[in-house]
Amino acid sequence: MAKCAFLGLGVMGYPMAGHLAAKGHEVTVYNRTAAKAEAWVKEHGGASAATPREAAEGAEFVMACVGNDDDLRAICTADDGAFAGMGTGAIFVDHTTVSAMVTNDMAEAAAEQGVGYVDAPVSGGQAGAENGALAIMCGGAEDTFAKAEPIMQAYGKSVKRMGEVSAGQLTKMVNQICIAGLVQGLSEGLAFAEKAGLDGRAVVEAISGGAAGSWQMVNRHETMLDDEFEHGFAVDWMRKDLAICLAEGNQMGAALPVTALVDQFYKDVQNMGGNRWDTSSLIRRLR
């Protein structure tokens, strides 16, 4: 068993850290809101720390799941950041969805201190985190990944190395690009079915086993038909992710016309007050 730190106890990080503790790892947690860390310790044991640096001291593996590029920089490289507390040979694993640029910057800063780095964004949402069934796409040196992989298996159903540092983040961008188009297509299809007077559930039963089928269709059609969106992956988070995709695509010259369009549709949902609604709320625009 390993000595681990987990930084960031949001809807994803809280259960992910819990799976580490359940597997017998020694876990110290840090969260910007200390009460959340205290609640985690009360539920799972382990310890909490006042700063990322304190949490990381003596840890073999430091996992992070925070909000965005700026949050990651702060917990890594600030005076009280994790890198200041990590020893040579320790490994930092970032589960945040961030840009490839900040990933490369943080990996370089880690290397200067003899710390290994794996970018490891996740897919599967809150349910995947709670069930320990996340898909984790990783970038990093082969030997560094090999050491971190067994630890990530505590909460990952699929843990795959995609290449060197930042390959994980680039793969997550592909994931979000694909999801954006799928959710918009599903929204249009279900809205069309409603206007045509069809039973939406019967339609999905008829088509979900064929070429139109998808995870989104199977897992989101009922709540979409019931106009329920107080769950799942928030629109604000999706727009953050799509902004990363669009910026990266612009830099490399990759055309993302559908992604750009769906991003604007999500802006419409935000303007409707749906910042925290599930991404499947795109159908609201069509009703």
C-alpha atoms as a PDB file:
ATOM      1  CA  MET A   1       0.000   0.000   0.000  1.00  0.00           C
ATOM      2  CA  ALA A   2       1.172   3.525  -0.745  1.00  0.00           C
ATOM      3  CA  LYS A   3       1.232   6.843   1.040  1.00  0.00           C
ATOM      4  CA  CYS A   4      -0.944   9.172  -1.025  1.00  0.00           C
ATOM      5  CA  ALA A   5      -2.265  12.710  -1.005  1.00  0.00           C
ATOM      6  CA  PHE A   6      -5.404  13.830  -2.788  1.00  0.00           C
ATOM      7  CA  LEU A   7      -5.905  17.509  -3.578  1.00  0.00           C
ATOM      8  CA  GLY A   8      -9.420  18.674  -4.421  1.00  0.00           C
ATOM      9  CA  LEU A   9     -12.552  17.069  -3.004  1.00  0.00           C
ATOM     10  CA  GLY A  10     -15.284  18.101  -5.418  1.00  0.00           C
ATOM     11  CA  VAL A  11     -17.937  15.795  -6.817  1.00  0.00           C
ATOM     12  CA  MET A  12     -15.196  13.763  -8.511  1.00  0.00           C
ATOM     13  CA  GLY A  13     -12.284  14.005  -6.094  1.00  0.00           C
ATOM     14  CA  TYR A  14     -14.226  13.183  -2.940  1.00  0.00           C
ATOM     15  CA  PRO A  15     -15.250   9.657  -4.011  1.00  0.00           C
ATOM     16  CA  MET A  16     -11.967   9.044  -5.867  1.00  0.00           C
ATOM     17  CA  ALA A  17     -10.010   9.718  -2.692  1.00  0.00           C
ATOM     18  CA  GLY A  18     -12.467   7.499  -0.851  1.00  0.00           C
ATOM     19  CA  HIS A  19     -11.654   4.570  -3.131  1.00  0.00           C
ATOM     20  CA  LEU A  20      -7.949   5.029  -2.390  1.00  0.00           C
ATOM     21  CA  ALA A  21      -8.655   4.771   1.324  1.00  0.00           C
ATOM     22  CA  ALA A  22     -10.947   1.776   0.804  1.00  0.00           C
ATOM     23  CA  LYS A  23      -8.108  -0.036  -0.988  1.00  0.00           C
ATOM     24  CA  GLY A  24      -5.919   0.404   2.064  1.00  0.00           C
ATOM     25  CA  HIS A  25      -3.744   3.300   0.942  1.00  0.00           C
ATOM     26  CA  GLU A  26      -2.701   5.892   3.514  1.00  0.00           C
ATOM     27  CA  VAL A  27      -4.441   9.070   2.336  1.00  0.00           C
ATOM     28  CA  THR A  28      -4.052  12.705   3.331  1.00  0.00           C
ATOM     29  CA  VAL A  29      -6.526  15.086   1.722  1.00  0.00           C
ATOM     30  CA  TYR A  30      -6.551  18.797   1.005  1.00  0.00           C
ATOM     31  CA  ASN A  31      -9.480  20.925  -0.087  1.00  0.00           C
ATOM     32  CA  ARG A  32      -9.728  24.683  -0.454  1.00  0.00           C
ATOM     33  CA  THR A  33     -12.809  24.560   1.784  1.00  0.00           C
ATOM     34  CA  ALA A  34     -11.436  22.858   4.884  1.00  0.00           C
ATOM     35  CA  ALA A  35     -14.845  21.662   6.085  1.00  0.00           C
ATOM     36  CA  LYS A  36     -15.077  19.356   3.066  1.00  0.00           C
ATOM     37  CA  ALA A  37     -11.733  17.775   3.973  1.00  0.00           C
ATOM     38  CA  GLU A  38     -12.826  17.328   7.565  1.00  0.00           C
ATOM     39  CA  ALA A  39     -16.034  15.640   6.417  1.00  0.00           C
ATOM     40  CA  TRP A  40     -14.010  13.290   4.193  1.00  0.00           C
ATOM     41  CA  VAL A  41     -11.736  12.302   7.092  1.00  0.00           C
ATOM     42  CA  LYS A  42     -14.752  11.661   9.293  1.00  0.00           C
ATOM     43  CA  GLU A  43     -16.162   9.343   6.632  1.00  0.00           C
ATOM     44  CA  HIS A  44     -13.019   7.612   5.396  1.00  0.00           C
ATOM     45  CA  GLY A  45     -10.302   8.057   8.019  1.00  0.00           C
ATOM     46  CA  GLY A  46      -6.863   9.252   7.022  1.00  0.00           C
ATOM     47  CA  ALA A  47      -5.884  12.858   7.625  1.00  0.00           C
ATOM     48  CA  SER A  48      -6.441  16.352   6.262  1.00  0.00           C
ATOM     49  CA  ALA A  49      -3.890  19.078   5.673  1.00  0.00           C
ATOM     50  CA  ALA A  50      -4.101  22.852   5.670  1.00  0.00           C
ATOM     51  CA  THR A  51      -2.106  23.317   2.448  1.00  0.00           C
ATOM     52  CA  PRO A  52      -1.198  21.266  -0.626  1.00  0.00           C
ATOM     53  CA  ARG A  53       2.432  21.349   0.496  1.00  0.00           C
ATOM     54  CA  GLU A  54       1.571  19.862   3.874  1.00  0.00           C
ATOM     55  CA  ALA A  55      -0.598  17.175   2.272  1.00  0.00           C
ATOM     56  CA  ALA A  56       2.168  16.213  -0.168  1.00  0.00           C
ATOM     57  CA  GLU A  57       4.997  15.932   2.361  1.00  0.00           C
ATOM     58  CA  GLY A  58       6.235  12.355   2.437  1.00  0.00           C
ATOM     59  CA  ALA A  59       3.675  11.150  -0.107  1.00  0.00           C
ATOM     60  CA  GLU A  60       4.717   8.685  -2.794  1.00  0.00           C
ATOM     61  CA  PHE A  61       1.796   9.738  -4.998  1.00  0.00           C
ATOM     62  CA  VAL A  62      -0.045  13.043  -5.065  1.00  0.00           C
ATOM     63  CA  MET A  63      -3.339  13.090  -6.951  1.00  0.00           C
ATOM     64  CA  ALA A  64      -5.173  16.278  -7.913  1.00  0.00           C
ATOM     65  CA  CYS A  65      -8.648  16.984  -9.247  1.00  0.00           C
ATOM     66  CA  VAL A  66      -9.307  20.710  -9.194  1.00  0.00           C
ATOM     67  CA  GLY A  67     -11.090  23.220 -11.413  1.00  0.00           C
ATOM     68  CA  ASN A  68      -8.970  24.732 -14.166  1.00  0.00           C
ATOM     69  CA  ASP A  69      -5.490  25.787 -15.309  1.00  0.00           C
ATOM     70  CA  ASP A  70      -5.133  28.502 -12.672  1.00  0.00           C
ATOM     71  CA  ASP A  71      -6.237  26.170  -9.878  1.00  0.00           C
ATOM     72  CA  LEU A  72      -3.704  23.575 -10.973  1.00  0.00           C
ATOM     73  CA  ARG A  73      -0.857  26.103 -11.086  1.00  0.00           C
ATOM     74  CA  ALA A  74      -1.781  27.293  -7.604  1.00  0.00           C
ATOM     75  CA  ILE A  75      -1.802  23.878  -5.955  1.00  0.00           C
ATOM     76  CA  CYS A  76       1.393  22.821  -7.730  1.00  0.00           C
ATOM     77  CA  THR A  77       3.793  25.755  -7.784  1.00  0.00           C
ATOM     78  CA  ALA A  78       2.676  28.275  -5.153  1.00  0.00           C
ATOM     79  CA  ASP A  79       4.896  28.669  -2.090  1.00  0.00           C
ATOM     80  CA  ASP A  80       2.566  26.320  -0.219  1.00  0.00           C
ATOM     81  CA  GLY A  81       1.984  24.160  -3.299  1.00  0.00           C
ATOM     82  CA  ALA A  82       2.407  20.420  -3.601  1.00  0.00           C
ATOM     83  CA  PHE A  83       5.730  20.475  -5.452  1.00  0.00           C
ATOM     84  CA  ALA A  84       7.374  22.245  -2.517  1.00  0.00           C
ATOM     85  CA  GLY A  85       6.476  19.308  -0.286  1.00  0.00           C
ATOM     86  CA  MET A  86       7.234  16.418  -2.634  1.00  0.00           C
ATOM     87  CA  GLY A  87      10.467  14.472  -2.469  1.00  0.00           C
ATOM     88  CA  THR A  88      12.620  13.135  -5.282  1.00  0.00           C
ATOM     89  CA  GLY A  89      11.010  10.109  -6.911  1.00  0.00           C
ATOM     90  CA  ALA A  90       7.473  11.001  -5.875  1.00  0.00           C
ATOM     91  CA  ILE A  91       4.825  11.124  -8.606  1.00  0.00           C
ATOM     92  CA  PHE A  92       2.182  13.787  -9.238  1.00  0.00           C
ATOM     93  CA  VAL A  93      -0.980  12.598 -11.014  1.00  0.00           C
ATOM     94  CA  ASP A  94      -3.312  15.286 -12.337  1.00  0.00           C
ATOM     95  CA  HIS A  95      -6.921  14.236 -12.915  1.00  0.00           C
ATOM     96  CA  THR A  96      -8.095  17.758 -13.752  1.00  0.00           C
ATOM     97  CA  THR A  97      -9.159  18.530 -17.309  1.00  0.00           C
ATOM     98  CA  VAL A  98      -6.793  21.349 -18.262  1.00  0.00           C
ATOM     99  CA  SER A  99      -4.899  22.649 -21.268  1.00  0.00           C
ATOM    100  CA  ALA A 100      -1.936  20.863 -22.792  1.00  0.00           C
ATOM    101  CA  MET A 101       0.080  24.036 -22.216  1.00  0.00           C
ATOM    102  CA  VAL A 102      -0.336  24.105 -18.448  1.00  0.00           C
ATOM    103  CA  THR A 103       0.243  20.352 -18.342  1.00  0.00           C
ATOM    104  CA  ASN A 104       3.607  20.725 -20.064  1.00  0.00           C
ATOM    105  CA  ASP A 105       4.519  23.640 -17.798  1.00  0.00           C
ATOM    106  CA  MET A 106       3.677  21.700 -14.634  1.00  0.00           C
ATOM    107  CA  ALA A 107       5.475  18.582 -15.851  1.00  0.00           C
ATOM    108  CA  GLU A 108       8.598  20.659 -16.499  1.00  0.00           C
ATOM    109  CA  ALA A 109       8.388  22.256 -13.044  1.00  0.00           C
ATOM    110  CA  ALA A 110       7.978  18.820 -11.473  1.00  0.00           C
ATOM    111  CA  ALA A 111      10.958  17.412 -13.360  1.00  0.00           C
ATOM    112  CA  GLU A 112      13.174  20.197 -12.046  1.00  0.00           C
ATOM    113  CA  GLN A 113      12.529  18.808  -8.567  1.00  0.00           C
ATOM    114  CA  GLY A 114      12.921  15.166  -9.503  1.00  0.00           C
ATOM    115  CA  VAL A 115       9.176  14.553  -9.373  1.00  0.00           C
ATOM    116  CA  GLY A 116       7.419  12.383 -11.942  1.00  0.00           C
ATOM    117  CA  TYR A 117       4.286  13.671 -13.662  1.00  0.00           C
ATOM    118  CA  VAL A 118       1.263  11.963 -15.203  1.00  0.00           C
ATOM    119  CA  ASP A 119      -1.606  13.906 -16.763  1.00  0.00           C
ATOM    120  CA  ALA A 120      -4.630  11.703 -16.264  1.00  0.00           C
ATOM    121  CA  PRO A 121      -7.987  13.344 -17.018  1.00  0.00           C
ATOM    122  CA  VAL A 122     -11.025  11.167 -16.447  1.00  0.00           C
ATOM    123  CA  SER A 123     -14.337  10.390 -18.094  1.00  0.00           C
ATOM    124  CA  GLY A 124     -17.384   8.811 -16.544  1.00  0.00           C
ATOM    125  CA  GLY A 125     -18.823  11.642 -14.490  1.00  0.00           C
ATOM    126  CA  GLN A 126     -19.874  11.626 -10.873  1.00  0.00           C
ATOM    127  CA  ALA A 127     -21.402   8.157 -11.157  1.00  0.00           C
ATOM    128  CA  GLY A 128     -18.144   6.767 -12.531  1.00  0.00           C
ATOM    129  CA  ALA A 129     -16.199   8.342  -9.682  1.00  0.00           C
ATOM    130  CA  GLU A 130     -18.590   7.022  -7.055  1.00  0.00           C
ATOM    131  CA  ASN A 131     -18.589   3.517  -8.538  1.00  0.00           C
ATOM    132  CA  GLY A 132     -14.822   3.379  -9.104  1.00  0.00           C
ATOM    133  CA  ALA A 133     -15.436   2.907 -12.827  1.00  0.00           C
ATOM    134  CA  LEU A 134     -13.752   5.897 -14.459  1.00  0.00           C
ATOM    135  CA  ALA A 135     -12.003   5.841 -17.807  1.00  0.00           C
ATOM    136  CA  ILE A 136      -8.586   7.426 -17.266  1.00  0.00           C
ATOM    137  CA  MET A 137      -6.512   8.595 -20.224  1.00  0.00           C
ATOM    138  CA  CYS A 138      -2.892   9.232 -19.326  1.00  0.00           C
ATOM    139  CA  GLY A 139       0.216  10.959 -20.578  1.00  0.00           C
ATOM    140  CA  GLY A 140       3.695  10.544 -19.144  1.00  0.00           C
ATOM    141  CA  ALA A 141       6.907   8.566 -19.237  1.00  0.00           C
ATOM    142  CA  GLU A 142       6.366   4.801 -19.425  1.00  0.00           C
ATOM    143  CA  ASP A 143       8.127   4.037 -16.150  1.00  0.00           C
ATOM    144  CA  THR A 144       6.285   6.823 -14.307  1.00  0.00           C
ATOM    145  CA  PHE A 145       2.935   5.626 -15.606  1.00  0.00           C
ATOM    146  CA  ALA A 146       3.764   2.021 -14.688  1.00  0.00           C
ATOM    147  CA  LYS A 147       4.249   3.065 -11.064  1.00  0.00           C
ATOM    148  CA  ALA A 148       1.093   5.171 -10.922  1.00  0.00           C
ATOM    149  CA  GLU A 149      -1.238   2.813 -12.797  1.00  0.00           C
ATOM    150  CA  PRO A 150      -1.908   0.398  -9.905  1.00  0.00           C
ATOM    151  CA  ILE A 151      -2.826   3.321  -7.657  1.00  0.00           C
ATOM    152  CA  MET A 152      -5.265   4.755 -10.211  1.00  0.00           C
ATOM    153  CA  GLN A 153      -6.919   1.366 -10.568  1.00  0.00           C
ATOM    154  CA  ALA A 154      -8.545   2.036  -7.187  1.00  0.00           C
ATOM    155  CA  TYR A 155     -11.087   4.230  -8.992  1.00  0.00           C
ATOM    156  CA  GLY A 156     -10.466   3.512 -12.665  1.00  0.00           C
ATOM    157  CA  LYS A 157     -12.146   0.809 -14.728  1.00  0.00           C
ATOM    158  CA  SER A 158      -9.891   1.638 -17.671  1.00  0.00           C
ATOM    159  CA  VAL A 159      -6.443   3.187 -17.180  1.00  0.00           C
ATOM    160  CA  LYS A 160      -4.573   3.670 -20.443  1.00  0.00           C
ATOM    161  CA  ARG A 161      -1.340   5.435 -21.356  1.00  0.00           C
ATOM    162  CA  MET A 162      -1.792   7.459 -24.541  1.00  0.00           C
ATOM    163  CA  GLY A 163       1.768   8.737 -24.925  1.00  0.00           C
ATOM    164  CA  GLU A 164       4.105  11.275 -23.372  1.00  0.00           C
ATOM    165  CA  VAL A 165       3.062  14.151 -21.106  1.00  0.00           C
ATOM    166  CA  SER A 166      -0.068  16.002 -22.368  1.00  0.00           C
ATOM    167  CA  ALA A 167      -1.270  13.017 -24.443  1.00  0.00           C
ATOM    168  CA  GLY A 168      -3.874  12.334 -21.771  1.00  0.00           C
ATOM    169  CA  GLN A 169      -5.247  15.862 -21.979  1.00  0.00           C
ATOM    170  CA  LEU A 170      -5.333  15.755 -25.779  1.00  0.00           C
ATOM    171  CA  THR A 171      -7.262  12.479 -25.619  1.00  0.00           C
ATOM    172  CA  LYS A 172      -9.737  14.017 -23.171  1.00  0.00           C
ATOM    173  CA  MET A 173     -10.256  16.833 -25.674  1.00  0.00           C
ATOM    174  CA  VAL A 174     -11.224  14.236 -28.282  1.00  0.00           C
ATOM    175  CA  ASN A 175     -13.654  12.791 -25.740  1.00  0.00           C
ATOM    176  CA  GLN A 176     -15.341  16.137 -25.121  1.00  0.00           C
ATOM    177  CA  ILE A 177     -15.476  16.990 -28.835  1.00  0.00           C
ATOM    178  CA  CYS A 178     -17.285  13.712 -29.496  1.00  0.00           C
ATOM    179  CA  ILE A 179     -19.686  14.129 -26.576  1.00  0.00           C
ATOM    180  CA  ALA A 180     -20.679  17.654 -27.637  1.00  0.00           C
ATOM    181  CA  GLY A 181     -21.846  16.466 -31.026  1.00  0.00           C
ATOM    182  CA  LEU A 182     -23.554  13.370 -29.612  1.00  0.00           C
ATOM    183  CA  VAL A 183     -25.580  15.307 -27.042  1.00  0.00           C
ATOM    184  CA  GLN A 184     -26.724  17.860 -29.602  1.00  0.00           C
ATOM    185  CA  GLY A 185     -27.755  15.090 -32.002  1.00  0.00           C
ATOM    186  CA  LEU A 186     -29.621  13.257 -29.250  1.00  0.00           C
ATOM    187  CA  SER A 187     -31.354  16.476 -28.206  1.00  0.00           C
ATOM    188  CA  GLU A 188     -32.508  17.149 -31.758  1.00  0.00           C
ATOM    189  CA  GLY A 189     -33.683  13.559 -32.197  1.00  0.00           C
ATOM    190  CA  LEU A 190     -35.719  13.475 -28.977  1.00  0.00           C
ATOM    191  CA  ALA A 191     -37.191  16.923 -29.628  1.00  0.00           C
ATOM    192  CA  PHE A 192     -38.155  15.778 -33.132  1.00  0.00           C
ATOM    193  CA  ALA A 193     -39.804  12.658 -31.685  1.00  0.00           C
ATOM    194  CA  GLU A 194     -41.826  14.783 -29.263  1.00  0.00           C
ATOM    195  CA  LYS A 195     -43.051  17.119 -32.005  1.00  0.00           C
ATOM    196  CA  ALA A 196     -43.942  14.102 -34.138  1.00  0.00           C
ATOM    197  CA  GLY A 197     -46.152  12.760 -31.348  1.00  0.00           C
ATOM    198  CA  LEU A 198     -44.002   9.673 -30.769  1.00  0.00           C
ATOM    199  CA  ASP A 199     -43.347   7.955 -27.434  1.00  0.00           C
ATOM    200  CA  GLY A 200     -39.741   9.000 -26.793  1.00  0.00           C
ATOM    201  CA  ARG A 201     -38.967   6.009 -24.617  1.00  0.00           C
ATOM    202  CA  ALA A 202     -40.295   3.624 -27.217  1.00  0.00           C
ATOM    203  CA  VAL A 203     -38.228   5.363 -29.875  1.00  0.00           C
ATOM    204  CA  VAL A 204     -35.054   4.953 -27.842  1.00  0.00           C
ATOM    205  CA  GLU A 205     -35.857   1.298 -27.184  1.00  0.00           C
ATOM    206  CA  ALA A 206     -36.230   0.790 -30.912  1.00  0.00           C
ATOM    207  CA  ILE A 207     -33.041   2.552 -32.017  1.00  0.00           C
ATOM    208  CA  SER A 208     -30.574   2.314 -29.122  1.00  0.00           C
ATOM    209  CA  GLY A 209     -29.392  -1.145 -30.126  1.00  0.00           C
ATOM    210  CA  GLY A 210     -28.499   0.017 -33.618  1.00  0.00           C
ATOM    211  CA  ALA A 211     -26.071   2.472 -35.149  1.00  0.00           C
ATOM    212  CA  ALA A 212     -27.633   5.462 -33.361  1.00  0.00           C
ATOM    213  CA  GLY A 213     -26.978   4.011 -29.922  1.00  0.00           C
ATOM    214  CA  SER A 214     -24.639   5.710 -27.447  1.00  0.00           C
ATOM    215  CA  TRP A 215     -23.905   5.998 -23.728  1.00  0.00           C
ATOM    216  CA  GLN A 216     -25.660   9.358 -23.752  1.00  0.00           C
ATOM    217  CA  MET A 217     -28.775   7.847 -25.307  1.00  0.00           C
ATOM    218  CA  VAL A 218     -28.965   4.952 -22.866  1.00  0.00           C
ATOM    219  CA  ASN A 219     -28.150   6.931 -19.730  1.00  0.00           C
ATOM    220  CA  ARG A 220     -29.703  10.344 -20.400  1.00  0.00           C
ATOM    221  CA  HIS A 221     -32.810   9.894 -22.578  1.00  0.00           C
ATOM    222  CA  GLU A 222     -35.231   9.394 -19.672  1.00  0.00           C
ATOM    223  CA  THR A 223     -34.185  12.492 -17.757  1.00  0.00           C
ATOM    224  CA  MET A 224     -34.132  14.486 -20.992  1.00  0.00           C
ATOM    225  CA  LEU A 225     -37.687  13.400 -21.787  1.00  0.00           C
ATOM    226  CA  ASP A 226     -38.717  14.224 -18.218  1.00  0.00           C
ATOM    227  CA  ASP A 227     -37.000  17.632 -18.430  1.00  0.00           C
ATOM    228  CA  GLU A 228     -34.792  16.855 -15.409  1.00  0.00           C
ATOM    229  CA  PHE A 229     -31.249  18.225 -15.378  1.00  0.00           C
ATOM    230  CA  GLU A 230     -30.254  18.686 -11.726  1.00  0.00           C
ATOM    231  CA  HIS A 231     -27.561  16.024 -11.963  1.00  0.00           C
ATOM    232  CA  GLY A 232     -24.513  14.944 -13.916  1.00  0.00           C
ATOM    233  CA  PHE A 233     -21.800  16.986 -15.648  1.00  0.00           C
ATOM    234  CA  ALA A 234     -22.500  20.711 -15.404  1.00  0.00           C
ATOM    235  CA  VAL A 235     -22.804  22.979 -18.426  1.00  0.00           C
ATOM    236  CA  ASP A 236     -20.243  25.368 -16.898  1.00  0.00           C
ATOM    237  CA  TRP A 237     -17.692  22.556 -16.769  1.00  0.00           C
ATOM    238  CA  MET A 238     -18.447  21.517 -20.326  1.00  0.00           C
ATOM    239  CA  ARG A 239     -17.944  25.056 -21.606  1.00  0.00           C
ATOM    240  CA  LYS A 240     -14.618  25.193 -19.778  1.00  0.00           C
ATOM    241  CA  ASP A 241     -13.583  21.959 -21.459  1.00  0.00           C
ATOM    242  CA  LEU A 242     -14.797  23.027 -24.904  1.00  0.00           C
ATOM    243  CA  ALA A 243     -12.879  26.286 -24.596  1.00  0.00           C
ATOM    244  CA  ILE A 244      -9.733  24.204 -24.097  1.00  0.00           C
ATOM    245  CA  CYS A 245     -10.606  22.082 -27.145  1.00  0.00           C
ATOM    246  CA  LEU A 246     -11.258  25.098 -29.353  1.00  0.00           C
ATOM    247  CA  ALA A 247      -8.076  26.869 -28.277  1.00  0.00           C
ATOM    248  CA  GLU A 248      -5.989  23.757 -28.920  1.00  0.00           C
ATOM    249  CA  GLY A 249      -7.695  23.172 -32.252  1.00  0.00           C
ATOM    250  CA  ASN A 250      -7.007  26.747 -33.295  1.00  0.00           C
ATOM    251  CA  GLN A 251      -3.356  26.392 -32.358  1.00  0.00           C
ATOM    252  CA  MET A 252      -2.842  23.174 -34.335  1.00  0.00           C
ATOM    253  CA  GLY A 253      -5.052  24.151 -37.255  1.00  0.00           C
ATOM    254  CA  ALA A 254      -7.734  21.522 -36.606  1.00  0.00           C
ATOM    255  CA  ALA A 255     -11.227  22.525 -37.755  1.00  0.00           C
ATOM    256  CA  LEU A 256     -13.907  22.083 -35.077  1.00  0.00           C
ATOM    257  CA  PRO A 257     -17.017  23.698 -36.578  1.00  0.00           C
ATOM    258  CA  VAL A 258     -19.599  21.515 -34.807  1.00  0.00           C
ATOM    259  CA  THR A 259     -17.809  21.866 -31.483  1.00  0.00           C
ATOM    260  CA  ALA A 260     -17.781  25.650 -31.832  1.00  0.00           C
ATOM    261  CA  LEU A 261     -21.496  25.660 -32.647  1.00  0.00           C
ATOM    262  CA  VAL A 262     -22.458  23.421 -29.730  1.00  0.00           C
ATOM    263  CA  ASP A 263     -20.341  25.570 -27.413  1.00  0.00           C
ATOM    264  CA  GLN A 264     -22.552  28.522 -28.370  1.00  0.00           C
ATOM    265  CA  PHE A 265     -25.653  26.398 -27.751  1.00  0.00           C
ATOM    266  CA  TYR A 266     -24.339  25.726 -24.241  1.00  0.00           C
ATOM    267  CA  LYS A 267     -23.935  29.485 -23.839  1.00  0.00           C
ATOM    268  CA  ASP A 268     -27.647  29.760 -24.614  1.00  0.00           C
ATOM    269  CA  VAL A 269     -28.346  27.241 -21.845  1.00  0.00           C
ATOM    270  CA  GLN A 270     -26.261  29.307 -19.429  1.00  0.00           C
ATOM    271  CA  ASN A 271     -28.299  32.356 -20.373  1.00  0.00           C
ATOM    272  CA  MET A 272     -31.406  30.337 -19.458  1.00  0.00           C
ATOM    273  CA  GLY A 273     -29.959  29.867 -15.964  1.00  0.00           C
ATOM    274  CA  GLY A 274     -28.663  26.362 -16.633  1.00  0.00           C
ATOM    275  CA  ASN A 275     -25.056  26.809 -15.533  1.00  0.00           C
ATOM    276  CA  ARG A 276     -25.243  23.806 -13.216  1.00  0.00           C
ATOM    277  CA  TRP A 277     -27.605  21.695 -15.295  1.00  0.00           C
ATOM    278  CA  ASP A 278     -26.384  18.466 -16.835  1.00  0.00           C
ATOM    279  CA  THR A 279     -24.992  18.763 -20.360  1.00  0.00           C
ATOM    280  CA  SER A 280     -28.041  16.927 -21.702  1.00  0.00           C
ATOM    281  CA  SER A 281     -30.007  20.125 -21.030  1.00  0.00           C
ATOM    282  CA  LEU A 282     -29.241  21.170 -24.631  1.00  0.00           C
ATOM    283  CA  ILE A 283     -32.734  19.862 -25.412  1.00  0.00           C
ATOM    284  CA  ARG A 284     -34.190  22.807 -23.441  1.00  0.00           C
ATOM    285  CA  ARG A 285     -33.204  25.113 -26.320  1.00  0.00           C
ATOM    286  CA  LEU A 286     -35.405  23.108 -28.682  1.00  0.00           C
ATOM    287  CA  ARG A 287     -38.600  23.093 -26.627  1.00  0.00           C
END
